[in-house]
N, C-alpha and C. Protein backbone atom coordinates (compact mmCIF):
# COMPACT_ATOMS: atom_id res chain seq x y z
N MET A 1 0.17 -24.58 -8.63
CA MET A 1 0.76 -23.23 -8.42
C MET A 1 1.00 -23.04 -6.92
N VAL A 2 2.27 -22.93 -6.54
CA VAL A 2 2.60 -22.79 -5.09
C VAL A 2 3.34 -21.47 -4.87
N TYR A 3 4.48 -21.32 -5.58
CA TYR A 3 5.33 -20.10 -5.39
C TYR A 3 5.18 -19.17 -6.61
N GLY A 4 5.41 -17.89 -6.34
CA GLY A 4 5.37 -16.91 -7.44
C GLY A 4 3.99 -16.76 -8.06
N VAL A 5 2.95 -16.92 -7.23
CA VAL A 5 1.60 -16.87 -7.74
C VAL A 5 0.93 -15.58 -7.27
N TYR A 6 0.29 -14.90 -8.20
CA TYR A 6 -0.52 -13.69 -7.85
C TYR A 6 -1.94 -14.02 -8.21
N VAL A 7 -2.84 -13.86 -7.23
CA VAL A 7 -4.25 -14.20 -7.41
C VAL A 7 -5.12 -12.96 -7.27
N ARG A 8 -5.90 -12.69 -8.26
CA ARG A 8 -6.84 -11.57 -8.20
C ARG A 8 -8.25 -12.15 -8.10
N LEU A 9 -9.00 -11.70 -7.09
CA LEU A 9 -10.37 -12.14 -6.84
C LEU A 9 -11.30 -10.90 -7.10
N MET A 10 -12.23 -11.10 -7.96
CA MET A 10 -13.21 -10.05 -8.26
C MET A 10 -14.65 -10.54 -8.05
N VAL A 11 -15.47 -9.75 -7.41
CA VAL A 11 -16.86 -10.10 -7.16
C VAL A 11 -17.76 -8.95 -7.64
N THR A 12 -18.72 -9.21 -8.41
CA THR A 12 -19.68 -8.22 -8.88
C THR A 12 -21.07 -8.61 -8.44
N ILE A 13 -21.99 -7.64 -8.51
CA ILE A 13 -23.35 -7.95 -8.08
C ILE A 13 -24.11 -8.85 -9.02
N GLY A 14 -23.61 -8.98 -10.25
CA GLY A 14 -24.25 -9.81 -11.25
C GLY A 14 -24.70 -9.02 -12.46
N ASN A 15 -25.33 -9.74 -13.40
CA ASN A 15 -25.76 -9.05 -14.60
C ASN A 15 -27.06 -8.29 -14.38
N LYS A 16 -27.16 -7.07 -14.95
CA LYS A 16 -28.33 -6.27 -14.87
C LYS A 16 -28.93 -6.07 -16.27
N LYS A 17 -30.16 -5.64 -16.26
CA LYS A 17 -30.78 -5.31 -17.56
C LYS A 17 -29.99 -4.18 -18.23
N PRO A 18 -29.85 -4.22 -19.55
CA PRO A 18 -29.00 -3.28 -20.29
C PRO A 18 -29.30 -1.83 -19.92
N ARG A 19 -28.20 -1.03 -19.68
CA ARG A 19 -28.24 0.41 -19.56
C ARG A 19 -28.93 0.88 -18.26
N LEU A 20 -29.20 -0.02 -17.34
CA LEU A 20 -29.90 0.39 -16.12
C LEU A 20 -29.01 0.06 -14.93
N GLN A 21 -28.85 1.03 -13.99
CA GLN A 21 -27.92 0.83 -12.83
C GLN A 21 -28.61 0.39 -11.56
N ASP A 22 -29.92 0.40 -11.54
CA ASP A 22 -30.66 0.01 -10.34
C ASP A 22 -30.37 -1.44 -9.98
N HIS A 23 -29.81 -1.65 -8.79
CA HIS A 23 -29.39 -2.99 -8.39
C HIS A 23 -30.61 -3.97 -8.24
N ARG A 24 -31.82 -3.36 -8.14
CA ARG A 24 -33.00 -4.26 -8.05
C ARG A 24 -33.28 -4.94 -9.37
N LEU A 25 -32.68 -4.45 -10.43
CA LEU A 25 -32.92 -5.02 -11.77
C LEU A 25 -31.85 -6.08 -12.13
N THR A 26 -31.10 -6.53 -11.12
CA THR A 26 -30.10 -7.58 -11.36
C THR A 26 -30.84 -8.88 -11.73
N VAL A 27 -30.42 -9.51 -12.76
CA VAL A 27 -31.14 -10.68 -13.26
C VAL A 27 -30.37 -11.99 -13.06
N THR A 28 -29.17 -11.93 -12.51
CA THR A 28 -28.44 -13.16 -12.22
C THR A 28 -27.91 -13.11 -10.79
N SER A 29 -27.33 -14.19 -10.34
CA SER A 29 -26.69 -14.21 -9.01
C SER A 29 -25.31 -13.48 -9.10
N PRO A 30 -24.72 -13.11 -8.00
CA PRO A 30 -23.39 -12.43 -8.02
C PRO A 30 -22.37 -13.24 -8.84
N LYS A 31 -21.49 -12.51 -9.48
CA LYS A 31 -20.48 -13.14 -10.33
C LYS A 31 -19.09 -13.06 -9.58
N SER A 32 -18.39 -14.16 -9.60
CA SER A 32 -17.04 -14.21 -9.02
C SER A 32 -16.05 -14.61 -10.08
N VAL A 33 -14.95 -13.90 -10.10
CA VAL A 33 -13.88 -14.18 -11.09
C VAL A 33 -12.54 -14.36 -10.33
N ILE A 34 -11.87 -15.45 -10.52
CA ILE A 34 -10.59 -15.65 -9.90
C ILE A 34 -9.54 -15.84 -10.96
N ILE A 35 -8.53 -14.98 -10.95
CA ILE A 35 -7.44 -14.98 -11.97
C ILE A 35 -6.12 -15.22 -11.30
N PRO A 36 -5.61 -16.46 -11.44
CA PRO A 36 -4.24 -16.72 -10.91
C PRO A 36 -3.18 -16.57 -12.04
N GLU A 37 -2.04 -16.01 -11.72
CA GLU A 37 -1.00 -15.85 -12.72
C GLU A 37 0.35 -15.88 -12.06
N TYR A 38 1.34 -16.36 -12.75
CA TYR A 38 2.72 -16.36 -12.22
C TYR A 38 3.32 -14.99 -12.36
N LYS A 39 3.97 -14.53 -11.31
CA LYS A 39 4.70 -13.26 -11.32
C LYS A 39 6.03 -13.44 -10.54
N ILE A 40 7.04 -12.85 -11.11
CA ILE A 40 8.38 -12.94 -10.48
C ILE A 40 8.67 -11.62 -9.78
N THR A 41 9.04 -11.66 -8.55
CA THR A 41 9.36 -10.46 -7.81
C THR A 41 10.66 -9.84 -8.33
N ILE A 42 10.65 -8.56 -8.59
CA ILE A 42 11.84 -7.85 -9.05
C ILE A 42 12.59 -7.42 -7.75
N THR A 43 13.73 -8.03 -7.53
CA THR A 43 14.42 -7.82 -6.26
C THR A 43 15.34 -6.59 -6.24
N GLU A 44 15.54 -6.00 -7.42
CA GLU A 44 16.43 -4.83 -7.49
C GLU A 44 15.94 -3.71 -6.63
N SER A 45 14.63 -3.40 -6.68
CA SER A 45 14.07 -2.30 -5.92
C SER A 45 14.12 -2.54 -4.43
N LYS A 46 14.20 -3.80 -4.01
CA LYS A 46 14.27 -4.11 -2.58
C LYS A 46 15.67 -3.80 -2.04
N ARG A 47 16.64 -3.76 -2.98
CA ARG A 47 18.02 -3.41 -2.56
C ARG A 47 18.24 -1.93 -2.74
N SER A 48 17.81 -1.35 -3.88
CA SER A 48 18.13 0.06 -4.14
C SER A 48 17.07 0.98 -3.54
N GLY A 49 15.88 0.49 -3.27
CA GLY A 49 14.84 1.32 -2.70
C GLY A 49 14.00 2.05 -3.77
N VAL A 50 12.92 2.66 -3.37
CA VAL A 50 12.08 3.37 -4.29
C VAL A 50 12.02 4.87 -3.89
N ARG A 51 11.65 5.69 -4.89
CA ARG A 51 11.53 7.13 -4.68
C ARG A 51 10.06 7.50 -4.83
N LEU A 52 9.58 8.40 -3.98
CA LEU A 52 8.21 8.83 -3.97
C LEU A 52 8.05 10.32 -4.21
N PHE A 53 6.93 10.66 -4.80
CA PHE A 53 6.60 12.02 -5.05
C PHE A 53 5.16 12.28 -4.67
N ALA A 54 4.92 13.38 -3.93
CA ALA A 54 3.55 13.64 -3.45
C ALA A 54 2.64 14.02 -4.60
N SER A 55 1.51 13.32 -4.66
CA SER A 55 0.53 13.61 -5.73
C SER A 55 -0.43 14.69 -5.32
N LYS A 56 -0.90 15.43 -6.28
CA LYS A 56 -1.95 16.43 -5.98
C LYS A 56 -3.33 15.81 -5.89
N ILE A 57 -3.41 14.54 -6.31
CA ILE A 57 -4.69 13.78 -6.22
C ILE A 57 -4.91 13.31 -4.77
N ARG A 58 -5.97 13.71 -4.14
CA ARG A 58 -6.21 13.37 -2.75
C ARG A 58 -7.19 12.18 -2.67
N ARG A 59 -7.05 11.44 -1.62
CA ARG A 59 -7.99 10.39 -1.34
C ARG A 59 -9.28 11.03 -0.78
N GLU A 60 -10.35 10.74 -1.41
CA GLU A 60 -11.58 11.48 -1.16
C GLU A 60 -12.24 10.98 0.20
N SER A 61 -13.21 11.78 0.64
CA SER A 61 -13.98 11.50 1.82
C SER A 61 -14.79 10.24 1.61
N GLN A 62 -15.12 9.56 2.70
CA GLN A 62 -15.96 8.38 2.63
C GLN A 62 -17.40 8.71 2.24
N ASP A 63 -17.74 10.02 2.31
CA ASP A 63 -19.09 10.44 1.86
C ASP A 63 -19.19 10.31 0.36
N TYR A 64 -18.11 10.33 -0.36
CA TYR A 64 -18.15 10.15 -1.81
C TYR A 64 -17.96 8.69 -2.18
N LEU A 65 -16.92 8.10 -1.69
CA LEU A 65 -16.61 6.70 -1.99
C LEU A 65 -15.68 6.18 -0.90
N ASP A 66 -16.07 5.09 -0.25
CA ASP A 66 -15.31 4.57 0.86
C ASP A 66 -13.94 4.09 0.35
N GLN A 67 -12.89 4.79 0.78
CA GLN A 67 -11.54 4.46 0.28
C GLN A 67 -11.00 3.16 0.87
N ARG A 68 -11.70 2.61 1.89
CA ARG A 68 -11.25 1.36 2.46
C ARG A 68 -11.61 0.16 1.62
N LEU A 69 -12.49 0.38 0.63
CA LEU A 69 -12.95 -0.76 -0.24
C LEU A 69 -12.02 -0.88 -1.41
N ASN A 70 -11.75 -2.10 -1.79
CA ASN A 70 -10.92 -2.38 -2.95
C ASN A 70 -11.88 -2.55 -4.13
N TYR A 71 -12.32 -1.47 -4.68
CA TYR A 71 -13.35 -1.47 -5.72
C TYR A 71 -12.73 -1.59 -7.09
N HIS A 72 -13.55 -1.83 -8.08
CA HIS A 72 -13.06 -2.03 -9.45
C HIS A 72 -12.59 -0.73 -10.05
N SER A 73 -13.22 0.38 -9.72
CA SER A 73 -12.75 1.65 -10.29
C SER A 73 -11.46 2.09 -9.60
N LYS A 74 -10.38 2.27 -10.36
CA LYS A 74 -9.08 2.65 -9.88
C LYS A 74 -8.71 4.05 -10.34
N LEU A 75 -9.71 4.92 -10.40
CA LEU A 75 -9.49 6.27 -10.98
C LEU A 75 -8.38 7.00 -10.23
N TYR A 76 -8.44 7.01 -8.89
CA TYR A 76 -7.42 7.75 -8.13
C TYR A 76 -6.05 7.15 -8.38
N GLU A 77 -5.96 5.81 -8.32
CA GLU A 77 -4.67 5.12 -8.46
C GLU A 77 -4.08 5.22 -9.84
N VAL A 78 -4.96 5.44 -10.83
CA VAL A 78 -4.50 5.55 -12.23
C VAL A 78 -4.06 7.02 -12.48
N THR A 79 -4.81 7.99 -11.94
CA THR A 79 -4.51 9.39 -12.20
C THR A 79 -3.29 9.87 -11.42
N ALA A 80 -3.14 9.45 -10.18
CA ALA A 80 -2.03 9.92 -9.31
C ALA A 80 -0.65 9.67 -9.90
N PRO A 81 -0.38 8.49 -10.49
CA PRO A 81 0.97 8.23 -11.01
C PRO A 81 1.41 9.08 -12.20
N ARG A 82 0.48 9.78 -12.80
CA ARG A 82 0.87 10.61 -13.98
C ARG A 82 1.90 11.64 -13.60
N GLN A 83 1.81 12.17 -12.41
CA GLN A 83 2.78 13.16 -11.94
C GLN A 83 4.16 12.46 -11.65
N THR A 84 4.09 11.25 -11.13
CA THR A 84 5.31 10.52 -10.82
C THR A 84 6.13 10.21 -12.12
N ILE A 85 5.41 9.94 -13.17
CA ILE A 85 6.04 9.62 -14.44
C ILE A 85 6.83 10.86 -14.93
N ARG A 86 6.21 12.03 -14.80
CA ARG A 86 6.94 13.27 -15.18
C ARG A 86 8.09 13.53 -14.25
N ALA A 87 7.94 13.19 -12.96
CA ALA A 87 8.98 13.46 -11.99
C ALA A 87 10.04 12.35 -12.01
N ARG A 88 9.81 11.31 -12.76
CA ARG A 88 10.77 10.21 -12.90
C ARG A 88 11.05 9.52 -11.53
N VAL A 89 9.99 9.29 -10.83
CA VAL A 89 10.09 8.51 -9.55
C VAL A 89 9.21 7.27 -9.69
N ASN A 90 9.19 6.48 -8.59
CA ASN A 90 8.56 5.17 -8.67
C ASN A 90 7.08 5.15 -8.37
N GLU A 91 6.66 5.93 -7.37
CA GLU A 91 5.27 5.90 -6.94
C GLU A 91 4.76 7.22 -6.43
N ALA A 92 3.49 7.39 -6.38
CA ALA A 92 2.85 8.59 -5.89
C ALA A 92 2.48 8.39 -4.41
N LEU A 93 2.83 9.34 -3.57
CA LEU A 93 2.44 9.37 -2.17
C LEU A 93 1.23 10.23 -2.07
N MET A 94 0.14 9.75 -1.52
CA MET A 94 -1.16 10.40 -1.50
C MET A 94 -1.58 10.81 -0.11
N VAL A 95 -2.21 11.95 0.00
CA VAL A 95 -2.72 12.43 1.30
C VAL A 95 -4.22 12.38 1.22
N ASP A 96 -4.87 12.47 2.40
CA ASP A 96 -6.34 12.46 2.44
C ASP A 96 -6.88 13.86 2.45
N ILE A 97 -8.18 14.04 2.67
CA ILE A 97 -8.79 15.33 2.62
C ILE A 97 -8.37 16.24 3.79
N ASN A 98 -7.73 15.63 4.78
CA ASN A 98 -7.22 16.42 5.96
C ASN A 98 -5.75 16.69 5.81
N SER A 99 -5.15 16.39 4.68
CA SER A 99 -3.73 16.61 4.42
C SER A 99 -2.85 15.66 5.21
N SER A 100 -3.42 14.59 5.72
CA SER A 100 -2.62 13.54 6.43
C SER A 100 -2.18 12.51 5.40
N VAL A 101 -1.00 11.96 5.57
CA VAL A 101 -0.46 11.00 4.68
C VAL A 101 -1.31 9.75 4.72
N SER A 102 -1.76 9.27 3.59
CA SER A 102 -2.69 8.14 3.53
C SER A 102 -2.03 6.88 3.00
N THR A 103 -1.59 6.89 1.78
CA THR A 103 -1.08 5.67 1.14
C THR A 103 -0.31 6.04 -0.13
N CYS A 104 0.22 5.06 -0.77
CA CYS A 104 0.76 5.28 -2.12
C CYS A 104 -0.25 4.74 -3.13
N ASN A 105 -0.05 5.04 -4.38
CA ASN A 105 -1.05 4.68 -5.39
C ASN A 105 -1.16 3.14 -5.55
N ALA A 106 -0.06 2.42 -5.26
CA ALA A 106 -0.14 0.95 -5.43
C ALA A 106 0.28 0.20 -4.19
N THR A 107 0.91 0.86 -3.22
CA THR A 107 1.37 0.19 -2.02
C THR A 107 0.93 0.99 -0.73
N LYS A 108 1.21 0.43 0.41
CA LYS A 108 0.92 1.13 1.66
C LYS A 108 2.21 1.68 2.23
N PHE A 109 2.13 2.86 2.91
CA PHE A 109 3.28 3.60 3.34
C PHE A 109 3.49 3.53 4.86
N PHE A 110 4.73 3.35 5.25
CA PHE A 110 5.13 3.33 6.66
C PHE A 110 6.36 4.18 6.86
N ILE A 111 6.53 4.80 8.03
CA ILE A 111 7.73 5.47 8.39
C ILE A 111 8.23 4.89 9.71
N VAL A 112 9.52 5.05 9.96
CA VAL A 112 10.11 4.70 11.24
C VAL A 112 10.69 5.94 11.83
N ARG A 113 10.25 6.25 13.05
CA ARG A 113 10.66 7.48 13.71
C ARG A 113 10.94 7.22 15.21
N ASN A 114 12.18 7.46 15.60
CA ASN A 114 12.58 7.24 17.00
C ASN A 114 12.21 5.84 17.48
N GLY A 115 12.44 4.89 16.63
CA GLY A 115 12.22 3.48 16.99
C GLY A 115 10.77 3.02 16.90
N GLU A 116 9.90 3.96 16.55
CA GLU A 116 8.43 3.64 16.39
C GLU A 116 8.11 3.49 14.93
N VAL A 117 7.12 2.61 14.62
CA VAL A 117 6.66 2.41 13.28
C VAL A 117 5.30 3.12 13.11
N TRP A 118 5.21 4.01 12.17
CA TRP A 118 3.96 4.75 11.95
C TRP A 118 3.37 4.41 10.61
N THR A 119 2.07 4.32 10.56
CA THR A 119 1.37 4.26 9.30
C THR A 119 0.02 4.98 9.46
N SER A 120 -0.73 5.18 8.37
CA SER A 120 -1.93 5.94 8.48
C SER A 120 -2.99 5.19 9.29
N THR A 121 -4.06 5.92 9.56
CA THR A 121 -5.15 5.31 10.33
C THR A 121 -5.87 4.18 9.52
N GLY A 122 -5.68 4.22 8.23
CA GLY A 122 -6.38 3.25 7.39
C GLY A 122 -7.76 3.72 6.97
N SER A 123 -8.14 4.92 7.38
CA SER A 123 -9.48 5.40 7.05
C SER A 123 -9.62 5.77 5.57
N TYR A 124 -8.51 6.04 4.93
CA TYR A 124 -8.56 6.48 3.53
C TYR A 124 -7.75 5.56 2.58
N CYS A 125 -7.58 4.33 2.97
CA CYS A 125 -6.91 3.37 2.09
C CYS A 125 -7.39 1.96 2.46
N THR A 126 -7.24 1.02 1.50
CA THR A 126 -7.58 -0.32 1.81
C THR A 126 -6.59 -0.87 2.84
N ASN A 127 -7.08 -1.79 3.68
CA ASN A 127 -6.25 -2.27 4.78
C ASN A 127 -5.00 -3.00 4.24
N GLY A 128 -5.17 -3.86 3.27
CA GLY A 128 -4.06 -4.56 2.67
C GLY A 128 -3.58 -5.70 3.54
N VAL A 129 -3.42 -6.86 2.93
CA VAL A 129 -2.96 -8.06 3.66
C VAL A 129 -1.58 -7.85 4.23
N THR A 130 -0.64 -7.35 3.43
CA THR A 130 0.73 -7.19 3.89
C THR A 130 0.79 -6.09 4.93
N ARG A 131 0.07 -5.01 4.76
CA ARG A 131 0.02 -3.96 5.78
C ARG A 131 -0.46 -4.51 7.11
N SER A 132 -1.53 -5.28 7.09
CA SER A 132 -2.07 -5.90 8.34
C SER A 132 -1.05 -6.84 8.97
N GLU A 133 -0.31 -7.58 8.13
CA GLU A 133 0.63 -8.54 8.65
C GLU A 133 1.80 -7.82 9.29
N VAL A 134 2.27 -6.74 8.71
CA VAL A 134 3.36 -5.97 9.30
C VAL A 134 2.94 -5.40 10.66
N ILE A 135 1.73 -4.87 10.72
CA ILE A 135 1.23 -4.37 11.99
C ILE A 135 1.17 -5.47 13.05
N SER A 136 0.69 -6.62 12.61
CA SER A 136 0.63 -7.77 13.51
C SER A 136 2.01 -8.21 13.98
N VAL A 137 3.00 -8.25 13.07
CA VAL A 137 4.33 -8.62 13.43
C VAL A 137 4.90 -7.66 14.50
N CYS A 138 4.69 -6.37 14.28
CA CYS A 138 5.15 -5.36 15.28
C CYS A 138 4.55 -5.61 16.66
N GLU A 139 3.28 -5.90 16.68
CA GLU A 139 2.59 -6.15 17.95
C GLU A 139 3.11 -7.38 18.65
N LYS A 140 3.37 -8.47 17.86
CA LYS A 140 3.88 -9.67 18.43
C LYS A 140 5.25 -9.46 19.04
N ARG A 141 6.09 -8.67 18.38
CA ARG A 141 7.45 -8.48 18.85
C ARG A 141 7.59 -7.23 19.78
N GLU A 142 6.46 -6.72 20.15
CA GLU A 142 6.46 -5.53 21.06
C GLU A 142 7.21 -4.34 20.48
N ILE A 143 7.14 -4.19 19.16
CA ILE A 143 7.64 -3.03 18.48
C ILE A 143 6.51 -2.00 18.41
N VAL A 144 6.77 -0.80 18.90
CA VAL A 144 5.69 0.21 18.93
C VAL A 144 5.25 0.54 17.53
N VAL A 145 3.96 0.31 17.23
CA VAL A 145 3.42 0.59 15.94
C VAL A 145 2.15 1.47 16.17
N ARG A 146 2.09 2.61 15.42
CA ARG A 146 1.01 3.52 15.61
C ARG A 146 0.28 3.74 14.26
N GLN A 147 -1.02 3.54 14.31
CA GLN A 147 -1.90 3.88 13.18
C GLN A 147 -2.46 5.27 13.50
N LYS A 148 -1.95 6.27 12.86
CA LYS A 148 -2.25 7.60 13.28
C LYS A 148 -2.21 8.59 12.10
N ASP A 149 -2.73 9.76 12.32
CA ASP A 149 -2.61 10.85 11.35
C ASP A 149 -1.23 11.49 11.46
N PHE A 150 -0.55 11.70 10.35
CA PHE A 150 0.70 12.49 10.34
C PHE A 150 0.76 13.17 8.98
N SER A 151 1.44 14.28 8.98
CA SER A 151 1.47 15.11 7.75
C SER A 151 2.78 14.92 6.98
N MET A 152 2.84 15.57 5.87
CA MET A 152 4.10 15.54 5.07
C MET A 152 5.24 16.15 5.82
N VAL A 153 4.95 17.12 6.72
CA VAL A 153 5.98 17.75 7.52
C VAL A 153 6.66 16.75 8.40
N ASP A 154 5.88 15.79 8.95
CA ASP A 154 6.46 14.79 9.82
C ASP A 154 7.51 13.91 9.10
N LEU A 155 7.42 13.88 7.79
CA LEU A 155 8.35 13.04 7.03
C LEU A 155 9.78 13.55 7.12
N TYR A 156 9.92 14.82 7.41
CA TYR A 156 11.27 15.37 7.50
C TYR A 156 12.03 14.91 8.75
N GLY A 157 11.29 14.31 9.70
CA GLY A 157 11.90 13.77 10.91
C GLY A 157 12.01 12.31 10.94
N GLU A 158 11.67 11.63 9.82
CA GLU A 158 11.69 10.18 9.84
C GLU A 158 13.09 9.65 9.74
N ASP A 159 13.34 8.43 10.25
CA ASP A 159 14.62 7.76 10.18
C ASP A 159 14.68 6.81 9.00
N GLU A 160 13.54 6.15 8.78
CA GLU A 160 13.41 5.20 7.67
C GLU A 160 11.99 5.29 7.13
N ALA A 161 11.79 4.74 5.96
CA ALA A 161 10.45 4.62 5.38
C ALA A 161 10.44 3.39 4.53
N PHE A 162 9.26 2.76 4.38
CA PHE A 162 9.09 1.64 3.52
C PHE A 162 7.67 1.51 3.03
N VAL A 163 7.48 0.77 1.98
CA VAL A 163 6.17 0.54 1.46
C VAL A 163 5.90 -0.98 1.48
N THR A 164 4.65 -1.34 1.58
CA THR A 164 4.28 -2.75 1.59
C THR A 164 3.32 -3.06 0.45
N GLY A 165 3.42 -4.29 -0.03
CA GLY A 165 2.52 -4.77 -1.09
C GLY A 165 2.50 -6.29 -1.07
N LYS A 166 1.41 -6.87 -1.47
CA LYS A 166 1.33 -8.32 -1.43
C LYS A 166 2.28 -9.02 -2.36
N PHE A 167 2.72 -8.28 -3.37
CA PHE A 167 3.63 -8.91 -4.35
C PHE A 167 5.10 -8.85 -3.94
N ARG A 168 5.55 -7.73 -3.35
CA ARG A 168 6.93 -7.60 -3.03
C ARG A 168 7.25 -7.57 -1.52
N GLY A 169 6.25 -7.62 -0.66
CA GLY A 169 6.49 -7.57 0.74
C GLY A 169 6.88 -6.13 1.17
N LEU A 170 8.04 -6.01 1.83
CA LEU A 170 8.51 -4.69 2.26
C LEU A 170 9.60 -4.15 1.36
N THR A 171 9.42 -2.94 0.88
CA THR A 171 10.46 -2.31 0.02
C THR A 171 10.85 -0.97 0.63
N PRO A 172 12.14 -0.75 0.83
CA PRO A 172 12.64 0.49 1.43
C PRO A 172 12.35 1.74 0.55
N VAL A 173 12.09 2.86 1.19
CA VAL A 173 11.97 4.12 0.49
C VAL A 173 13.25 4.95 0.78
N VAL A 174 13.84 5.45 -0.28
CA VAL A 174 15.12 6.19 -0.12
C VAL A 174 14.95 7.68 -0.37
N GLU A 175 13.80 8.06 -0.97
CA GLU A 175 13.62 9.48 -1.28
C GLU A 175 12.16 9.85 -1.27
N VAL A 176 11.82 10.99 -0.67
CA VAL A 176 10.46 11.50 -0.68
C VAL A 176 10.52 12.96 -1.08
N GLU A 177 9.80 13.31 -2.14
CA GLU A 177 9.78 14.70 -2.57
C GLU A 177 11.21 15.24 -2.89
N ARG A 178 12.02 14.37 -3.49
CA ARG A 178 13.42 14.67 -3.89
C ARG A 178 14.32 14.87 -2.69
N GLN A 179 13.85 14.53 -1.50
CA GLN A 179 14.66 14.62 -0.29
C GLN A 179 15.15 13.24 0.11
N ARG A 180 16.43 13.04 0.21
CA ARG A 180 16.93 11.76 0.64
C ARG A 180 16.70 11.53 2.10
N LEU A 181 16.36 10.28 2.44
CA LEU A 181 16.18 9.91 3.83
C LEU A 181 17.53 9.91 4.53
N PRO A 182 17.54 10.17 5.85
CA PRO A 182 18.79 10.19 6.61
C PRO A 182 19.50 8.83 6.72
N CYS A 183 18.71 7.74 6.58
CA CYS A 183 19.31 6.43 6.76
C CYS A 183 20.25 6.15 5.60
N GLU A 184 21.50 5.90 5.92
CA GLU A 184 22.52 5.67 4.90
C GLU A 184 22.38 4.29 4.18
N ALA A 185 21.99 3.29 5.01
CA ALA A 185 21.86 1.95 4.43
C ALA A 185 20.43 1.77 3.85
N SER A 186 20.38 0.98 2.82
CA SER A 186 19.08 0.64 2.22
C SER A 186 19.01 -0.88 2.05
N PRO A 187 18.09 -1.56 2.74
CA PRO A 187 17.11 -0.98 3.64
C PRO A 187 17.72 -0.67 5.02
N GLY A 188 16.99 0.16 5.81
CA GLY A 188 17.44 0.50 7.13
C GLY A 188 17.29 -0.63 8.12
N GLU A 189 17.78 -0.45 9.33
CA GLU A 189 17.78 -1.49 10.33
C GLU A 189 16.36 -2.05 10.62
N MET A 190 15.46 -1.14 10.91
CA MET A 190 14.09 -1.55 11.26
C MET A 190 13.40 -2.19 10.04
N THR A 191 13.59 -1.62 8.86
CA THR A 191 12.97 -2.18 7.65
C THR A 191 13.49 -3.56 7.40
N SER A 192 14.79 -3.75 7.59
CA SER A 192 15.40 -5.09 7.38
C SER A 192 14.80 -6.07 8.39
N ARG A 193 14.70 -5.66 9.61
CA ARG A 193 14.18 -6.53 10.67
C ARG A 193 12.73 -6.95 10.39
N LEU A 194 11.90 -5.97 10.08
CA LEU A 194 10.51 -6.28 9.79
C LEU A 194 10.34 -7.09 8.53
N SER A 195 11.19 -6.86 7.54
CA SER A 195 11.14 -7.66 6.33
C SER A 195 11.44 -9.11 6.59
N ASP A 196 12.46 -9.38 7.43
CA ASP A 196 12.81 -10.76 7.78
C ASP A 196 11.69 -11.42 8.58
N LEU A 197 11.10 -10.68 9.52
CA LEU A 197 10.00 -11.23 10.31
C LEU A 197 8.78 -11.51 9.48
N TYR A 198 8.52 -10.64 8.55
CA TYR A 198 7.38 -10.83 7.65
C TYR A 198 7.60 -12.03 6.75
N ASN A 199 8.79 -12.15 6.18
CA ASN A 199 9.12 -13.27 5.29
C ASN A 199 9.01 -14.61 6.06
N GLN A 200 9.37 -14.60 7.35
CA GLN A 200 9.29 -15.83 8.15
C GLN A 200 7.83 -16.16 8.37
N GLU A 201 7.00 -15.17 8.60
CA GLU A 201 5.56 -15.46 8.79
C GLU A 201 4.97 -16.11 7.51
N VAL A 202 5.39 -15.57 6.37
CA VAL A 202 4.90 -16.18 5.11
C VAL A 202 5.31 -17.60 4.95
N GLU A 203 6.63 -17.83 5.25
CA GLU A 203 7.13 -19.19 5.11
C GLU A 203 6.46 -20.18 6.06
N ASP A 204 6.21 -19.71 7.29
CA ASP A 204 5.53 -20.58 8.28
C ASP A 204 4.12 -20.85 7.78
N TYR A 205 3.45 -19.88 7.18
CA TYR A 205 2.06 -20.09 6.72
C TYR A 205 2.05 -21.10 5.56
N ILE A 206 3.01 -21.02 4.63
CA ILE A 206 3.08 -21.94 3.49
C ILE A 206 3.31 -23.40 4.00
N GLU A 207 4.21 -23.51 4.97
CA GLU A 207 4.53 -24.82 5.50
C GLU A 207 3.39 -25.42 6.26
């Protein structure tokens, strides 16, 4: 398996005595599960773009559950898209407890504003391999990239937006909260440039 492979890695603490949650009662070593499967990227959305709708489900404080961890429970990510289904859009855009834009339910969110690339601080979402790589690409090419807090109001001044995911790379966003983005082309100039640079990084890594 070389191309078109999606790998899911899961690690648990191990088996515990029945009905007891105390980790001191674990009776086996940690369990690792690796599931590889073939998946084909749907390229239509990379051309037409995706539409987002703000979810009422917020990313919780780290005092409750550290949102930076890719844990087995996907309650937030499963609940948030229910509104998007009714709104007939592609994904839910989620904010954190401070009303700052955090992430989407399945992908990471970026905007382009005045030539700068913005994304969340990462305090309320998993870092993401593709997200990290896009940030790294920007830094290598001296493209201004900011990991910062910004609100839904800031989205009204964006020039472009895109989401990232390990399966599809960069996908342009064409609509947020039923408002079309000002960029007439999809994907926009910066999104196209970063997508090409990201794809080149992936090809260089495979080679």
